Amino acid sequence: MGRRSGKARRYFVSSKDCPAALPAPETAQDVRKALGQVMSDLMSRRLDARTASSMAYVGNVMLKAIELSDLEQRMEKLEELISNSDGVGDPRRQTSRHEQPQTTNPAR
């Protein structure tokens, strides 16, 4: 009975019902849209649960990779700003407007 019952519940996706290929997501919004499409395809039985689960896992990994990439880019920009600032914004390196930088006089 188990084998026949399993065959009765099994469904096959024909080539005409096969979901369209998703473009590779590059942003968190793209991943969100792709996962929404996967969810829709799963509910309409155009995609089996195992494939949908795998795609959800990969989507989660991609979200984390995108997040890390964004953080790396932000840190690079901040490091570049700090290295190019030449002390601007650093209270230890600023002089008052009324103070003149001290120079040594070699003539003395």
Protein backbone atom coordinates (compact mmCIF):
# COMPACT_ATOMS: atom_id res chain seq x y z
CA MET A 1 0.00 0.00 0.00
CA GLY A 2 2.79 2.44 0.84
CA ARG A 3 4.39 2.16 -2.55
CA ARG A 4 1.17 2.71 -4.49
CA SER A 5 0.14 5.54 -2.20
CA GLY A 6 3.49 7.24 -2.70
CA LYS A 7 3.14 7.01 -6.48
CA ALA A 8 -0.33 8.52 -6.31
CA ARG A 9 0.92 11.59 -4.44
CA ARG A 10 3.98 12.05 -6.60
CA TYR A 11 3.71 14.67 -9.29
CA PHE A 12 5.88 15.44 -12.26
CA VAL A 13 6.64 18.79 -13.80
CA SER A 14 6.30 18.78 -17.54
CA SER A 15 8.74 20.80 -19.62
CA LYS A 16 6.06 23.35 -20.53
CA ASP A 17 5.29 23.94 -16.83
CA CYS A 18 8.94 24.21 -15.87
CA PRO A 19 9.69 27.53 -14.17
CA ALA A 20 11.75 30.06 -16.10
CA ALA A 21 15.41 30.37 -15.21
CA LEU A 22 16.02 33.04 -12.59
CA PRO A 23 18.75 35.61 -13.21
CA ALA A 24 21.62 35.56 -10.74
CA PRO A 25 20.69 37.86 -7.85
CA GLU A 26 23.18 40.63 -7.09
CA THR A 27 21.38 42.56 -4.35
CA ALA A 28 19.34 41.66 -1.30
CA GLN A 29 16.24 42.82 -3.18
CA ASP A 30 17.05 40.43 -6.03
CA VAL A 31 17.39 37.55 -3.54
CA ARG A 32 14.07 38.50 -1.96
CA LYS A 33 12.36 38.50 -5.35
CA ALA A 34 13.93 35.15 -6.29
CA LEU A 35 12.86 33.54 -3.01
CA GLY A 36 9.36 34.92 -3.52
CA GLN A 37 9.29 33.30 -6.96
CA VAL A 38 10.53 30.01 -5.48
CA MET A 39 7.78 30.15 -2.88
CA SER A 40 5.17 30.85 -5.52
CA ASP A 41 6.43 28.00 -7.72
CA LEU A 42 6.41 25.64 -4.73
CA MET A 43 2.83 26.51 -3.81
CA SER A 44 1.63 26.07 -7.39
CA ARG A 45 3.51 22.73 -7.61
CA ARG A 46 5.79 23.87 -10.41
CA LEU A 47 8.73 23.14 -8.10
CA ASP A 48 9.28 20.24 -5.72
CA ALA A 49 9.94 20.79 -2.02
CA ARG A 50 13.52 19.48 -2.10
CA THR A 51 14.54 21.88 -4.85
CA ALA A 52 12.76 24.79 -3.15
CA SER A 53 14.53 23.97 0.13
CA SER A 54 17.90 23.92 -1.62
CA MET A 55 17.17 27.24 -3.31
CA ALA A 56 16.11 28.79 0.01
CA TYR A 57 19.37 27.63 1.60
CA VAL A 58 21.45 29.07 -1.25
CA GLY A 59 19.44 32.30 -1.06
CA ASN A 60 20.24 32.61 2.65
CA VAL A 61 23.94 32.07 1.96
CA MET A 62 23.82 34.69 -0.81
CA LEU A 63 22.17 37.21 1.54
CA LYS A 64 24.99 36.77 4.04
CA ALA A 65 27.62 37.09 1.29
CA ILE A 66 25.97 40.27 -0.03
CA GLU A 67 25.86 41.69 3.50
CA LEU A 68 29.56 40.96 4.06
CA SER A 69 30.47 42.41 0.69
CA ASP A 70 28.58 45.61 1.46
CA LEU A 71 30.31 45.91 4.83
CA GLU A 72 33.72 45.39 3.21
CA GLN A 73 33.02 48.14 0.68
CA ARG A 74 31.87 50.52 3.41
CA MET A 75 34.97 49.80 5.49
CA GLU A 76 37.26 50.35 2.49
CA LYS A 77 35.63 53.74 1.87
CA LEU A 78 36.01 54.71 5.53
CA GLU A 79 39.65 53.61 5.60
CA GLU A 80 40.30 55.58 2.42
CA LEU A 81 38.63 58.65 3.94
CA ILE A 82 40.73 58.34 7.07
CA SER A 83 43.99 57.89 5.18
CA ASN A 84 43.23 60.84 2.85
CA SER A 85 42.03 63.19 5.60
CA ASP A 86 45.55 64.21 6.77
CA GLY A 87 44.37 64.75 10.31
CA VAL A 88 41.16 66.60 9.50
CA GLY A 89 38.68 65.57 12.12
CA ASP A 90 41.38 64.25 14.44
CA PRO A 91 41.50 66.57 17.48
CA ARG A 92 45.06 65.49 18.30
CA ARG A 93 46.40 66.80 15.00
CA GLN A 94 44.40 70.03 14.64
CA THR A 95 45.71 73.45 15.57
CA SER A 96 43.62 76.36 16.73
CA ARG A 97 42.80 79.09 14.24
CA HIS A 98 44.73 81.59 16.36
CA GLU A 99 47.78 79.44 16.88
CA GLN A 100 50.53 79.40 14.32
CA PRO A 101 52.34 76.14 13.81
CA GLN A 102 55.65 76.28 15.58
CA THR A 103 58.67 76.24 13.34
CA THR A 104 62.25 76.09 14.41
CA ASN A 105 64.44 79.00 13.46
CA PRO A 106 67.85 77.77 12.36
CA ALA A 107 69.28 81.35 12.51
CA ARG A 108 69.24 81.43 16.32
